[in-house]
C-alpha atoms as a PDB file:
ATOM      1  CA  MET A   1      66.349  52.550 106.050  1.00  0.00           C
ATOM      2  CA  LYS A   2      68.068  55.513 107.541  1.00  0.00           C
ATOM      3  CA  VAL A   3      66.887  56.783 110.884  1.00  0.00           C
ATOM      4  CA  GLY A   4      67.894  60.333 111.714  1.00  0.00           C
ATOM      5  CA  PHE A   5      69.394  60.755 108.271  1.00  0.00           C
ATOM      6  CA  MET A   6      69.706  64.481 108.689  1.00  0.00           C
ATOM      7  CA  SER A   7      71.759  64.348 111.862  1.00  0.00           C
ATOM      8  CA  HIS A   8      74.991  62.447 111.926  1.00  0.00           C
ATOM      9  CA  SER A   9      74.291  60.064 109.074  1.00  0.00           C
ATOM     10  CA  ARG A  10      71.128  58.089 108.513  1.00  0.00           C
ATOM     11  CA  LYS A  11      70.781  54.350 107.399  1.00  0.00           C
ATOM     12  CA  PHE A  12      73.447  54.334 109.519  1.00  0.00           C
ATOM     13  CA  ALA A  13      72.611  50.805 109.606  1.00  0.00           C
ATOM     14  CA  LEU A  14      73.209  49.441 106.281  1.00  0.00           C
ATOM     15  CA  ILE A  15      75.763  49.209 103.618  1.00  0.00           C
ATOM     16  CA  LEU A  16      75.124  46.957 100.677  1.00  0.00           C
ATOM     17  CA  LEU A  17      78.197  46.397  98.552  1.00  0.00           C
ATOM     18  CA  VAL A  18      77.359  46.845  94.890  1.00  0.00           C
ATOM     19  CA  PHE A  19      79.270  44.668  92.439  1.00  0.00           C
ATOM     20  CA  VAL A  20      79.631  47.334  89.771  1.00  0.00           C
ATOM     21  CA  ALA A  21      82.374  49.568  88.457  1.00  0.00           C
ATOM     22  CA  ALA A  22      83.913  52.293  90.614  1.00  0.00           C
ATOM     23  CA  VAL A  23      81.879  55.482  90.753  1.00  0.00           C
ATOM     24  CA  VAL A  24      83.306  57.920  88.234  1.00  0.00           C
ATOM     25  CA  VAL A  25      81.300  60.465  86.286  1.00  0.00           C
ATOM     26  CA  SER A  26      81.502  59.509  82.619  1.00  0.00           C
ATOM     27  CA  MET A  27      80.831  62.183  80.054  1.00  0.00           C
ATOM     28  CA  HIS A  28      82.171  60.353  77.035  1.00  0.00           C
ATOM     29  CA  ARG A  29      79.487  59.967  74.432  1.00  0.00           C
ATOM     30  CA  GLY A  30      79.383  56.796  72.480  1.00  0.00           C
ATOM     31  CA  ARG A  31      80.545  54.461  75.255  1.00  0.00           C
ATOM     32  CA  VAL A  32      78.351  51.575  76.334  1.00  0.00           C
ATOM     33  CA  GLY A  33      77.727  53.113  79.715  1.00  0.00           C
ATOM     34  CA  PRO A  34      76.476  53.486  82.285  1.00  0.00           C
ATOM     35  CA  TYR A  35      76.527  57.151  83.078  1.00  0.00           C
ATOM     36  CA  SER A  36      77.544  57.193  86.750  1.00  0.00           C
ATOM     37  CA  GLU A  37      77.544  59.979  89.309  1.00  0.00           C
ATOM     38  CA  SER A  38      77.724  60.333  93.102  1.00  0.00           C
ATOM     39  CA  ARG A  39      76.610  63.256  95.222  1.00  0.00           C
ATOM     40  CA  MET A  40      76.519  64.045  98.935  1.00  0.00           C
ATOM     41  CA  LEU A  41      72.840  64.389  99.825  1.00  0.00           C
ATOM     42  CA  MET A  42      70.708  63.541 102.862  1.00  0.00           C
ATOM     43  CA  ASP A  43      73.965  63.430 104.809  1.00  0.00           C
ATOM     44  CA  THR A  44      75.287  60.437 102.871  1.00  0.00           C
ATOM     45  CA  ILE A  45      76.745  59.534  99.489  1.00  0.00           C
ATOM     46  CA  ILE A  46      74.131  58.683  96.864  1.00  0.00           C
ATOM     47  CA  THR A  47      75.167  57.025  93.623  1.00  0.00           C
ATOM     48  CA  ILE A  48      73.126  56.695  90.448  1.00  0.00           C
ATOM     49  CA  LYS A  49      74.158  54.597  87.442  1.00  0.00           C
ATOM     50  CA  ALA A  50      72.035  54.772  84.315  1.00  0.00           C
ATOM     51  CA  TYR A  51      71.974  53.408  80.790  1.00  0.00           C
ATOM     52  CA  PRO A  52      72.522  54.682  78.149  1.00  0.00           C
ATOM     53  CA  ALA A  53      75.734  56.599  78.756  1.00  0.00           C
ATOM     54  CA  GLU A  54      74.039  59.796  77.596  1.00  0.00           C
ATOM     55  CA  SER A  55      71.846  60.001  80.709  1.00  0.00           C
ATOM     56  CA  GLU A  56      73.472  62.959  82.409  1.00  0.00           C
ATOM     57  CA  GLN A  57      70.395  65.193  82.378  1.00  0.00           C
ATOM     58  CA  ALA A  58      68.108  62.420  83.607  1.00  0.00           C
ATOM     59  CA  VAL A  59      70.477  61.621  86.467  1.00  0.00           C
ATOM     60  CA  ALA A  60      70.671  65.315  87.411  1.00  0.00           C
ATOM     61  CA  ALA A  61      66.874  65.427  87.572  1.00  0.00           C
ATOM     62  CA  ALA A  62      66.874  62.282  89.724  1.00  0.00           C
ATOM     63  CA  PHE A  63      69.304  63.883  92.171  1.00  0.00           C
ATOM     64  CA  ALA A  64      66.990  66.898  92.305  1.00  0.00           C
ATOM     65  CA  ALA A  65      64.286  64.565  93.629  1.00  0.00           C
ATOM     66  CA  PHE A  66      66.571  63.626  96.528  1.00  0.00           C
ATOM     67  CA  GLU A  67      67.239  67.311  97.206  1.00  0.00           C
ATOM     68  CA  LYS A  68      63.512  68.006  97.313  1.00  0.00           C
ATOM     69  CA  ILE A  69      62.917  65.310  99.943  1.00  0.00           C
ATOM     70  CA  GLU A  70      65.940  66.507 101.914  1.00  0.00           C
ATOM     71  CA  ASN A  71      64.553  70.049 101.892  1.00  0.00           C
ATOM     72  CA  LEU A  72      61.252  68.696 103.151  1.00  0.00           C
ATOM     73  CA  ALA A  73      62.240  66.084 105.721  1.00  0.00           C
ATOM     74  CA  SER A  74      65.587  67.038 107.251  1.00  0.00           C
ATOM     75  CA  PHE A  75      65.480  66.610 111.016  1.00  0.00           C
ATOM     76  CA  HIS A  76      67.962  69.407 111.749  1.00  0.00           C
ATOM     77  CA  ARG A  77      67.595  72.052 109.047  1.00  0.00           C
ATOM     78  CA  SER A  78      65.384  74.845 110.312  1.00  0.00           C
ATOM     79  CA  GLU A  79      63.623  75.492 106.997  1.00  0.00           C
ATOM     80  CA  THR A  80      62.145  72.006 106.644  1.00  0.00           C
ATOM     81  CA  GLU A  81      58.614  70.893 107.422  1.00  0.00           C
ATOM     82  CA  VAL A  82      59.833  68.234 109.853  1.00  0.00           C
ATOM     83  CA  PHE A  83      61.813  70.818 111.813  1.00  0.00           C
ATOM     84  CA  LYS A  84      58.793  73.147 111.928  1.00  0.00           C
ATOM     85  CA  LEU A  85      56.526  70.344 113.146  1.00  0.00           C
ATOM     86  CA  ASN A  86      58.996  69.340 115.847  1.00  0.00           C
ATOM     87  CA  HIS A  87      59.513  72.884 117.078  1.00  0.00           C
ATOM     88  CA  THR A  88      56.039  74.393 116.734  1.00  0.00           C
ATOM     89  CA  GLY A  89      53.878  71.312 117.158  1.00  0.00           C
ATOM     90  CA  ARG A  90      51.691  72.227 114.202  1.00  0.00           C
ATOM     91  CA  LEU A  91      51.546  72.182 110.403  1.00  0.00           C
ATOM     92  CA  PRO A  92      48.679  73.001 108.048  1.00  0.00           C
ATOM     93  CA  LEU A  93      46.819  69.951 106.792  1.00  0.00           C
ATOM     94  CA  ASN A  94      47.922  70.703 103.226  1.00  0.00           C
ATOM     95  CA  THR A  95      51.627  70.568 104.116  1.00  0.00           C
ATOM     96  CA  PRO A  96      53.723  68.728 101.507  1.00  0.00           C
ATOM     97  CA  LEU A  97      54.868  66.566 104.418  1.00  0.00           C
ATOM     98  CA  ALA A  98      51.386  65.053 104.763  1.00  0.00           C
ATOM     99  CA  PRO A  99      51.930  62.203 102.239  1.00  0.00           C
ATOM    100  CA  LEU A 100      55.068  61.089 104.088  1.00  0.00           C
ATOM    101  CA  LEU A 101      53.226  61.151 107.402  1.00  0.00           C
ATOM    102  CA  ASP A 102      50.463  59.038 105.841  1.00  0.00           C
ATOM    103  CA  ILE A 103      53.082  56.496 104.720  1.00  0.00           C
ATOM    104  CA  CYS A 104      54.440  56.395 108.269  1.00  0.00           C
ATOM    105  CA  ARG A 105      50.975  55.830 109.674  1.00  0.00           C
ATOM    106  CA  HIS A 106      50.422  52.920 107.267  1.00  0.00           C
ATOM    107  CA  TYR A 107      53.636  51.156 108.283  1.00  0.00           C
ATOM    108  CA  TYR A 108      53.067  51.943 111.955  1.00  0.00           C
ATOM    109  CA  HIS A 109      49.852  49.916 111.788  1.00  0.00           C
ATOM    110  CA  PHE A 110      51.125  47.261 109.380  1.00  0.00           C
ATOM    111  CA  SER A 111      54.114  46.535 111.623  1.00  0.00           C
ATOM    112  CA  ASP A 112      52.044  46.378 114.822  1.00  0.00           C
ATOM    113  CA  GLY A 113      53.708  49.570 116.030  1.00  0.00           C
ATOM    114  CA  TYR A 114      57.307  48.477 115.467  1.00  0.00           C
ATOM    115  CA  PHE A 115      57.790  51.204 112.853  1.00  0.00           C
ATOM    116  CA  ASP A 116      57.406  54.389 114.869  1.00  0.00           C
ATOM    117  CA  PRO A 117      58.959  57.741 113.841  1.00  0.00           C
ATOM    118  CA  SER A 118      57.970  59.190 117.227  1.00  0.00           C
ATOM    119  CA  PHE A 119      60.759  57.141 118.786  1.00  0.00           C
ATOM    120  CA  ALA A 120      63.013  60.062 117.882  1.00  0.00           C
ATOM    121  CA  ILE A 121      62.465  61.296 121.438  1.00  0.00           C
ATOM    122  CA  LEU A 122      63.994  58.063 122.768  1.00  0.00           C
ATOM    123  CA  GLN A 123      66.937  58.416 120.412  1.00  0.00           C
ATOM    124  CA  LYS A 124      67.405  61.932 121.732  1.00  0.00           C
ATOM    125  CA  ALA A 125      67.298  60.600 125.287  1.00  0.00           C
ATOM    126  CA  TYR A 126      70.116  58.196 124.458  1.00  0.00           C
ATOM    127  CA  GLY A 127      72.161  60.999 122.880  1.00  0.00           C
ATOM    128  CA  PHE A 128      71.989  59.908 119.240  1.00  0.00           C
ATOM    129  CA  TYR A 129      71.472  63.436 117.950  1.00  0.00           C
ATOM    130  CA  SER A 130      74.076  65.071 120.175  1.00  0.00           C
ATOM    131  CA  GLN A 131      76.431  62.073 119.880  1.00  0.00           C
ATOM    132  CA  GLU A 132      76.882  62.253 123.645  1.00  0.00           C
ATOM    133  CA  GLY A 133      75.762  58.784 124.623  1.00  0.00           C
ATOM    134  CA  ARG A 134      73.914  58.274 127.890  1.00  0.00           C
ATOM    135  CA  LEU A 135      71.684  55.643 129.489  1.00  0.00           C
ATOM    136  CA  PRO A 136      68.287  57.042 130.516  1.00  0.00           C
ATOM    137  CA  GLU A 137      66.903  55.840 133.822  1.00  0.00           C
ATOM    138  CA  ASP A 138      63.916  53.495 133.780  1.00  0.00           C
ATOM    139  CA  ALA A 139      61.644  56.268 135.080  1.00  0.00           C
ATOM    140  CA  GLU A 140      62.607  58.530 132.175  1.00  0.00           C
ATOM    141  CA  ILE A 141      61.945  55.793 129.614  1.00  0.00           C
ATOM    142  CA  THR A 142      58.603  54.970 131.240  1.00  0.00           C
ATOM    143  CA  TYR A 143      57.578  58.608 131.119  1.00  0.00           C
ATOM    144  CA  LEU A 144      58.570  59.040 127.471  1.00  0.00           C
ATOM    145  CA  LEU A 145      56.760  55.852 126.435  1.00  0.00           C
ATOM    146  CA  GLY A 146      53.637  57.010 128.233  1.00  0.00           C
ATOM    147  CA  HIS A 147      53.611  60.650 127.144  1.00  0.00           C
ATOM    148  CA  SER A 148      55.796  61.246 124.088  1.00  0.00           C
ATOM    149  CA  CYS A 149      55.745  58.068 121.970  1.00  0.00           C
ATOM    150  CA  GLY A 150      53.184  56.236 119.882  1.00  0.00           C
ATOM    151  CA  PHE A 151      52.672  57.639 116.401  1.00  0.00           C
ATOM    152  CA  ASP A 152      48.858  57.587 116.508  1.00  0.00           C
ATOM    153  CA  ARG A 153      48.773  59.139 119.950  1.00  0.00           C
ATOM    154  CA  VAL A 154      51.247  62.001 119.490  1.00  0.00           C
ATOM    155  CA  LEU A 155      50.355  62.952 115.893  1.00  0.00           C
ATOM    156  CA  THR A 156      46.745  64.047 115.451  1.00  0.00           C
ATOM    157  CA  VAL A 157      44.763  66.033 112.885  1.00  0.00           C
ATOM    158  CA  ASP A 158      41.674  68.212 112.734  1.00  0.00           C
ATOM    159  CA  ALA A 159      39.975  69.843 109.760  1.00  0.00           C
ATOM    160  CA  ASP A 160      42.816  72.298 109.219  1.00  0.00           C
ATOM    161  CA  ASN A 161      46.000  71.228 110.991  1.00  0.00           C
ATOM    162  CA  ILE A 162      48.363  68.414 111.925  1.00  0.00           C
ATOM    163  CA  PHE A 163      49.399  68.491 115.584  1.00  0.00           C
ATOM    164  CA  LEU A 164      52.379  66.954 117.372  1.00  0.00           C
ATOM    165  CA  ALA A 165      52.089  66.502 121.111  1.00  0.00           C
ATOM    166  CA  SER A 166      54.270  68.684 123.295  1.00  0.00           C
ATOM    167  CA  GLY A 167      57.561  66.987 124.135  1.00  0.00           C
ATOM    168  CA  SER A 168      57.395  64.624 121.159  1.00  0.00           C
ATOM    169  CA  LEU A 169      59.640  64.457 118.096  1.00  0.00           C
ATOM    170  CA  ILE A 170      59.197  62.952 114.639  1.00  0.00           C
ATOM    171  CA  ASP A 171      62.104  61.678 112.538  1.00  0.00           C
ATOM    172  CA  LEU A 172      61.270  60.472 109.021  1.00  0.00           C
ATOM    173  CA  GLY A 173      64.665  58.954 108.319  1.00  0.00           C
ATOM    174  CA  GLY A 174      63.028  55.528 108.219  1.00  0.00           C
ATOM    175  CA  ILE A 175      61.106  56.235 105.009  1.00  0.00           C
ATOM    176  CA  ALA A 176      62.480  59.445 103.472  1.00  0.00           C
ATOM    177  CA  GLY A 177      65.194  57.602 101.552  1.00  0.00           C
ATOM    178  CA  GLY A 178      62.688  55.154 100.113  1.00  0.00           C
ATOM    179  CA  VAL A 179      60.390  57.986  99.057  1.00  0.00           C
ATOM    180  CA  ALA A 180      63.252  59.801  97.349  1.00  0.00           C
ATOM    181  CA  ILE A 181      64.407  56.647  95.566  1.00  0.00           C
ATOM    182  CA  GLU A 182      60.938  56.022  94.161  1.00  0.00           C
ATOM    183  CA  LYS A 183      60.640  59.579  92.897  1.00  0.00           C
ATOM    184  CA  ALA A 184      64.117  59.411  91.349  1.00  0.00           C
ATOM    185  CA  ALA A 185      63.361  56.050  89.722  1.00  0.00           C
ATOM    186  CA  LYS A 186      60.195  57.435  88.140  1.00  0.00           C
ATOM    187  CA  ILE A 187      62.181  60.338  86.689  1.00  0.00           C
ATOM    188  CA  LEU A 188      64.829  58.043  85.210  1.00  0.00           C
ATOM    189  CA  LYS A 189      62.227  55.715  83.735  1.00  0.00           C
ATOM    190  CA  ASN A 190      60.214  58.563  82.216  1.00  0.00           C
ATOM    191  CA  ALA A 191      63.416  60.011  80.743  1.00  0.00           C
ATOM    192  CA  GLY A 192      63.934  56.808  78.781  1.00  0.00           C
ATOM    193  CA  CYS A 193      66.750  55.254  80.789  1.00  0.00           C
ATOM    194  CA  THR A 194      66.789  51.583  79.795  1.00  0.00           C
ATOM    195  CA  GLY A 195      68.397  50.418  83.003  1.00  0.00           C
ATOM    196  CA  PHE A 196      69.560  52.085  86.204  1.00  0.00           C
ATOM    197  CA  LEU A 197      70.708  51.515  89.761  1.00  0.00           C
ATOM    198  CA  ILE A 198      70.202  53.897  92.682  1.00  0.00           C
ATOM    199  CA  ASP A 199      72.295  53.388  95.819  1.00  0.00           C
ATOM    200  CA  ASP A 200      71.290  55.568  98.765  1.00  0.00           C
ATOM    201  CA  ALA A 201      73.861  54.554 101.389  1.00  0.00           C
ATOM    202  CA  GLY A 202      72.896  50.938 100.938  1.00  0.00           C
ATOM    203  CA  ASP A 203      69.220  51.331 100.113  1.00  0.00           C
ATOM    204  CA  ILE A 204      69.258  49.911  96.596  1.00  0.00           C
ATOM    205  CA  TRP A 205      66.859  50.110  93.673  1.00  0.00           C
ATOM    206  CA  PHE A 206      67.660  48.627  90.275  1.00  0.00           C
ATOM    207  CA  GLU A 207      65.495  48.464  87.185  1.00  0.00           C
ATOM    208  CA  GLY A 208      65.679  47.630  83.495  1.00  0.00           C
ATOM    209  CA  THR A 209      68.442  45.856  81.652  1.00  0.00           C
ATOM    210  CA  LYS A 210      72.100  46.343  80.872  1.00  0.00           C
ATOM    211  CA  PRO A 211      73.261  46.463  77.248  1.00  0.00           C
ATOM    212  CA  ASP A 212      75.064  43.138  77.637  1.00  0.00           C
ATOM    213  CA  ALA A 213      71.949  41.555  79.230  1.00  0.00           C
ATOM    214  CA  SER A 214      73.892  40.684  82.398  1.00  0.00           C
ATOM    215  CA  LEU A 215      71.996  40.653  85.692  1.00  0.00           C
ATOM    216  CA  TRP A 216      72.189  43.263  88.400  1.00  0.00           C
ATOM    217  CA  ARG A 217      74.261  41.654  91.151  1.00  0.00           C
ATOM    218  CA  ILE A 218      74.198  43.031  94.688  1.00  0.00           C
ATOM    219  CA  ALA A 219      76.144  41.790  97.693  1.00  0.00           C
ATOM    220  CA  VAL A 220      74.575  42.092 101.145  1.00  0.00           C
ATOM    221  CA  ARG A 221      77.308  43.128 103.539  1.00  0.00           C
ATOM    222  CA  ASP A 222      78.385  40.852 106.357  1.00  0.00           C
ATOM    223  CA  PRO A 223      79.268  43.321 109.148  1.00  0.00           C
ATOM    224  CA  ARG A 224      81.458  40.701 110.823  1.00  0.00           C
ATOM    225  CA  ASP A 225      84.121  40.768 108.116  1.00  0.00           C
ATOM    226  CA  ASN A 226      82.810  43.242 105.493  1.00  0.00           C
ATOM    227  CA  GLY A 227      82.485  40.371 103.047  1.00  0.00           C
ATOM    228  CA  ALA A 228      79.279  39.231 101.359  1.00  0.00           C
ATOM    229  CA  LEU A 229      76.611  37.694 103.577  1.00  0.00           C
ATOM    230  CA  ALA A 230      74.488  36.845 100.533  1.00  0.00           C
ATOM    231  CA  ILE A 231      73.978  37.789  96.901  1.00  0.00           C
ATOM    232  CA  VAL A 232      70.859  39.190  95.274  1.00  0.00           C
ATOM    233  CA  GLU A 233      70.941  38.711  91.519  1.00  0.00           C
ATOM    234  CA  SER A 234      67.996  39.626  89.340  1.00  0.00           C
ATOM    235  CA  GLN A 235      66.839  41.181  86.111  1.00  0.00           C
ATOM    236  CA  GLN A 236      63.494  42.258  87.536  1.00  0.00           C
ATOM    237  CA  SER A 237      63.082  45.581  89.322  1.00  0.00           C
ATOM    238  CA  LEU A 238      63.838  45.240  93.022  1.00  0.00           C
ATOM    239  CA  ALA A 239      64.427  47.288  96.145  1.00  0.00           C
ATOM    240  CA  ILE A 240      66.841  46.089  98.828  1.00  0.00           C
ATOM    241  CA  SER A 241      67.255  47.666 102.249  1.00  0.00           C
ATOM    242  CA  THR A 242      69.321  46.703 105.284  1.00  0.00           C
ATOM    243  CA  SER A 243      69.054  47.844 108.887  1.00  0.00           C
ATOM    244  CA  GLY A 244      71.911  47.062 111.240  1.00  0.00           C
ATOM    245  CA  ASP A 245      73.558  47.830 114.554  1.00  0.00           C
ATOM    246  CA  TYR A 246      76.952  48.672 113.098  1.00  0.00           C
ATOM    247  CA  GLU A 247      76.495  52.109 111.518  1.00  0.00           C
ATOM    248  CA  ARG A 248      74.477  54.250 113.940  1.00  0.00           C
ATOM    249  CA  PHE A 249      75.105  53.766 117.625  1.00  0.00           C
ATOM    250  CA  VAL A 250      76.274  55.412 120.828  1.00  0.00           C
ATOM    251  CA  THR A 251      78.784  53.964 123.262  1.00  0.00           C
ATOM    252  CA  VAL A 252      78.231  54.185 127.019  1.00  0.00           C
ATOM    253  CA  ASN A 253      80.685  52.669 129.480  1.00  0.00           C
ATOM    254  CA  GLY A 254      82.283  50.678 126.690  1.00  0.00           C
ATOM    255  CA  LYS A 255      79.009  49.150 125.464  1.00  0.00           C
ATOM    256  CA  ARG A 256      77.506  49.948 122.087  1.00  0.00           C
ATOM    257  CA  TYR A 257      73.776  50.736 121.762  1.00  0.00           C
ATOM    258  CA  GLY A 258      72.028  50.803 118.383  1.00  0.00           C
ATOM    259  CA  HIS A 259      69.453  53.381 117.339  1.00  0.00           C
ATOM    260  CA  ILE A 260      66.445  51.105 116.692  1.00  0.00           C
ATOM    261  CA  MET A 261      64.199  50.801 119.735  1.00  0.00           C
ATOM    262  CA  ASN A 262      61.867  48.123 121.050  1.00  0.00           C
ATOM    263  CA  PRO A 263      58.470  49.860 121.309  1.00  0.00           C
ATOM    264  CA  LEU A 264      57.514  47.735 124.297  1.00  0.00           C
ATOM    265  CA  THR A 265      60.553  48.554 126.426  1.00  0.00           C
ATOM    266  CA  GLY A 266      61.859  51.803 124.937  1.00  0.00           C
ATOM    267  CA  ARG A 267      65.337  50.300 124.928  1.00  0.00           C
ATOM    268  CA  PRO A 268      67.673  49.657 121.955  1.00  0.00           C
ATOM    269  CA  VAL A 269      67.227  46.191 120.491  1.00  0.00           C
ATOM    270  CA  ASP A 270      70.105  43.740 120.394  1.00  0.00           C
ATOM    271  CA  TYR A 271      68.629  40.718 118.620  1.00  0.00           C
ATOM    272  CA  TYR A 272      70.373  41.126 115.263  1.00  0.00           C
ATOM    273  CA  SER A 273      73.475  42.439 113.573  1.00  0.00           C
ATOM    274  CA  SER A 274      71.495  43.111 110.411  1.00  0.00           C
ATOM    275  CA  VAL A 275      68.143  42.559 108.722  1.00  0.00           C
ATOM    276  CA  THR A 276      67.840  42.830 104.939  1.00  0.00           C
ATOM    277  CA  VAL A 277      64.525  43.060 103.092  1.00  0.00           C
ATOM    278  CA  VAL A 278      63.766  42.712  99.389  1.00  0.00           C
ATOM    279  CA  ALA A 279      60.597  44.359  98.061  1.00  0.00           C
ATOM    280  CA  SER A 280      58.972  45.667  94.910  1.00  0.00           C
ATOM    281  CA  SER A 281      58.857  49.129  96.502  1.00  0.00           C
ATOM    282  CA  ALA A 282      61.773  51.146  97.878  1.00  0.00           C
ATOM    283  CA  ILE A 283      59.487  52.637 100.522  1.00  0.00           C
ATOM    284  CA  ALA A 284      58.381  49.189 101.665  1.00  0.00           C
ATOM    285  CA  ALA A 285      61.945  47.864 101.822  1.00  0.00           C
ATOM    286  CA  ASP A 286      63.090  50.932 103.764  1.00  0.00           C
ATOM    287  CA  ALA A 287      60.272  50.847 106.324  1.00  0.00           C
ATOM    288  CA  LEU A 288      60.150  47.070 106.738  1.00  0.00           C
ATOM    289  CA  SER A 289      63.864  46.557 107.345  1.00  0.00           C
ATOM    290  CA  THR A 290      63.575  48.955 110.273  1.00  0.00           C
ATOM    291  CA  SER A 291      60.299  47.484 111.533  1.00  0.00           C
ATOM    292  CA  ILE A 292      61.526  43.896 111.457  1.00  0.00           C
ATOM    293  CA  PHE A 293      64.832  44.795 113.090  1.00  0.00           C
ATOM    294  CA  ALA A 294      62.850  46.156 116.037  1.00  0.00           C
ATOM    295  CA  MET A 295      60.923  42.898 116.479  1.00  0.00           C
ATOM    296  CA  PRO A 296      62.209  40.135 118.754  1.00  0.00           C
ATOM    297  CA  ALA A 297      63.153  37.073 116.728  1.00  0.00           C
ATOM    298  CA  GLU A 298      60.223  35.025 118.006  1.00  0.00           C
ATOM    299  CA  LYS A 299      57.861  37.634 116.540  1.00  0.00           C
ATOM    300  CA  ALA A 300      59.902  38.633 113.488  1.00  0.00           C
ATOM    301  CA  PHE A 301      60.357  35.105 112.115  1.00  0.00           C
ATOM    302  CA  VAL A 302      56.604  34.502 112.314  1.00  0.00           C
ATOM    303  CA  TRP A 303      55.650  37.976 111.058  1.00  0.00           C
ATOM    304  CA  VAL A 304      57.731  37.784 107.868  1.00  0.00           C
ATOM    305  CA  GLU A 305      56.200  34.414 106.989  1.00  0.00           C
ATOM    306  CA  LYS A 306      52.666  35.624 107.690  1.00  0.00           C
ATOM    307  CA  ASN A 307      53.216  38.662 105.441  1.00  0.00           C
ATOM    308  CA  SER A 308      55.387  36.881 102.818  1.00  0.00           C
ATOM    309  CA  VAL A 309      58.301  39.276 103.301  1.00  0.00           C
ATOM    310  CA  PRO A 310      61.616  38.236 101.725  1.00  0.00           C
ATOM    311  CA  ALA A 311      64.018  38.788 104.631  1.00  0.00           C
ATOM    312  CA  LEU A 312      67.563  37.824 105.580  1.00  0.00           C
ATOM    313  CA  PHE A 313      68.516  37.902 109.265  1.00  0.00           C
ATOM    314  CA  LEU A 314      71.963  37.901 110.804  1.00  0.00           C
ATOM    315  CA  THR A 315      71.375  37.486 114.530  1.00  0.00           C
ATOM    316  CA  SER A 316      73.614  39.018 117.161  1.00  0.00           C
ATOM    317  CA  GLY A 317      74.783  35.476 117.885  1.00  0.00           C
ATOM    318  CA  GLY A 318      75.957  35.041 114.286  1.00  0.00           C
ATOM    319  CA  GLU A 319      73.126  32.800 113.050  1.00  0.00           C
ATOM    320  CA  VAL A 320      71.754  33.361 109.542  1.00  0.00           C
ATOM    321  CA  HIS A 321      68.039  32.964 108.878  1.00  0.00           C
ATOM    322  CA  VAL A 322      66.260  33.400 105.529  1.00  0.00           C
ATOM    323  CA  SER A 323      62.478  33.624 105.278  1.00  0.00           C
ATOM    324  CA  LEU A 324      60.684  31.278 102.871  1.00  0.00           C
ATOM    325  CA  SER A 325      59.917  34.170 100.520  1.00  0.00           C
ATOM    326  CA  GLY A 326      63.521  35.299 100.763  1.00  0.00           C
ATOM    327  CA  GLN A 327      64.933  32.027  99.486  1.00  0.00           C
ATOM    328  CA  GLN A 328      64.148  32.954  95.893  1.00  0.00           C
ATOM    329  CA  TYR A 329      66.134  36.201  96.191  1.00  0.00           C
ATOM    330  CA  PHE A 330      69.055  35.604  98.563  1.00  0.00           C
ATOM    331  CA  LYS A 331      71.658  33.329  97.005  1.00  0.00           C
ATOM    332  CA  GLU A 332      75.121  32.174  98.064  1.00  0.00           C
ATOM    333  CA  VAL A 333      74.091  32.726 101.686  1.00  0.00           C
ATOM    334  CA  LYS A 334      77.037  32.490 104.039  1.00  0.00           C
ATOM    335  CA  SER A 335      76.687  29.916 106.771  1.00  0.00           C
ATOM    336  CA  ARG A 336      77.627  30.675 110.358  1.00  0.00           C
END
C-alpha cells in the first residue's frame, strides 16, 4: 500500500524483493521469456514481466492502466480528480473517482476505521507532504480528529455531488496501486499472457504459469538487514502487499515518525516494522496491509484471525508473528 504516492513516493512502506531476473526490456522474439519492462509511474518504479516473450503490446497496455489511475488519483497534480476534490470540496456524483471512493468506504468500515484516507490532513500536519517534519501539539491533533478526519463524516454525498468537508484532505495512495494492478492484470490476462508478475514498488501480483512450470517465488524484505524475512512461493494467483515504517517517514529532533496514523490518537503508530498481507485481490492486500499496520497488536492479532487474513508481522521489538491463515503462504520465516 502506498500512502501519498503522488507526493514524495508512496508505499513508501514496502519493498518486496522479487527472486527473478534483472529488469531488462527484452525484444528478442523466439526466446522463452518473459518480456520484462520497468517504467516510472505513480512516483515509483513499476515492473511488469509477462509470458510469452512476445508480450510487448500487452505490457504497454497494462502500463497505460497505471497511467490512467495516476491521472485520476494523484494527490499533487492539479488536473486530477483527487486534487480537485481537495481544493474545491466538491465533485459531481458521476466522477470517475467515485468507484475508488466507494472502495475506500468499504475498507474504512471493514477495518473498524483503521483504513482512513482522510488522515491525509494529519500527515500534512506532520510535514509528510512538505518533507519538513514537525510535531503537532495535542490541541492541534484533537482539533483535526474532531473536525477534519473520519471518512464517513468528512466525505458526504447528495443526489448530484460528492462533498469534502472544509479543511479536510483525501489521499488515495492506500488503494490506488491495488486498483491499478487489478486493471493491469485484467489487460494482460485478456491479451493472452500465460503468466505474469506486476511489481508496483513492492505491491506484487503474480498469475499464471512459467514455461518451465517453476513457481513464482517472492521474498518479503526484512528491513533490519534487507534480507528475506519470509518467502511466498505459489503457482496460484496471489497479491502481496507490505506496509512498513522504513520507507515513508519524517524525522523530528532525531526521532523518526512513520506515515500511518492511529485513528484513536491521531499519532503515528510504532507497533511494527512491517506488516505483510497475502490476498486474492490486489486492492484487498493494499488496503489491509495499511489497515492492520495501524492497529495495535492486541487488536491486530485478533482481527486477522477473526477475518482469516494471511498476515506476517515484524514488530518494532523484532518479534515475528504469522497469522494462522498466513502459515500456508509464508515459508522459511526468519526467527528473531
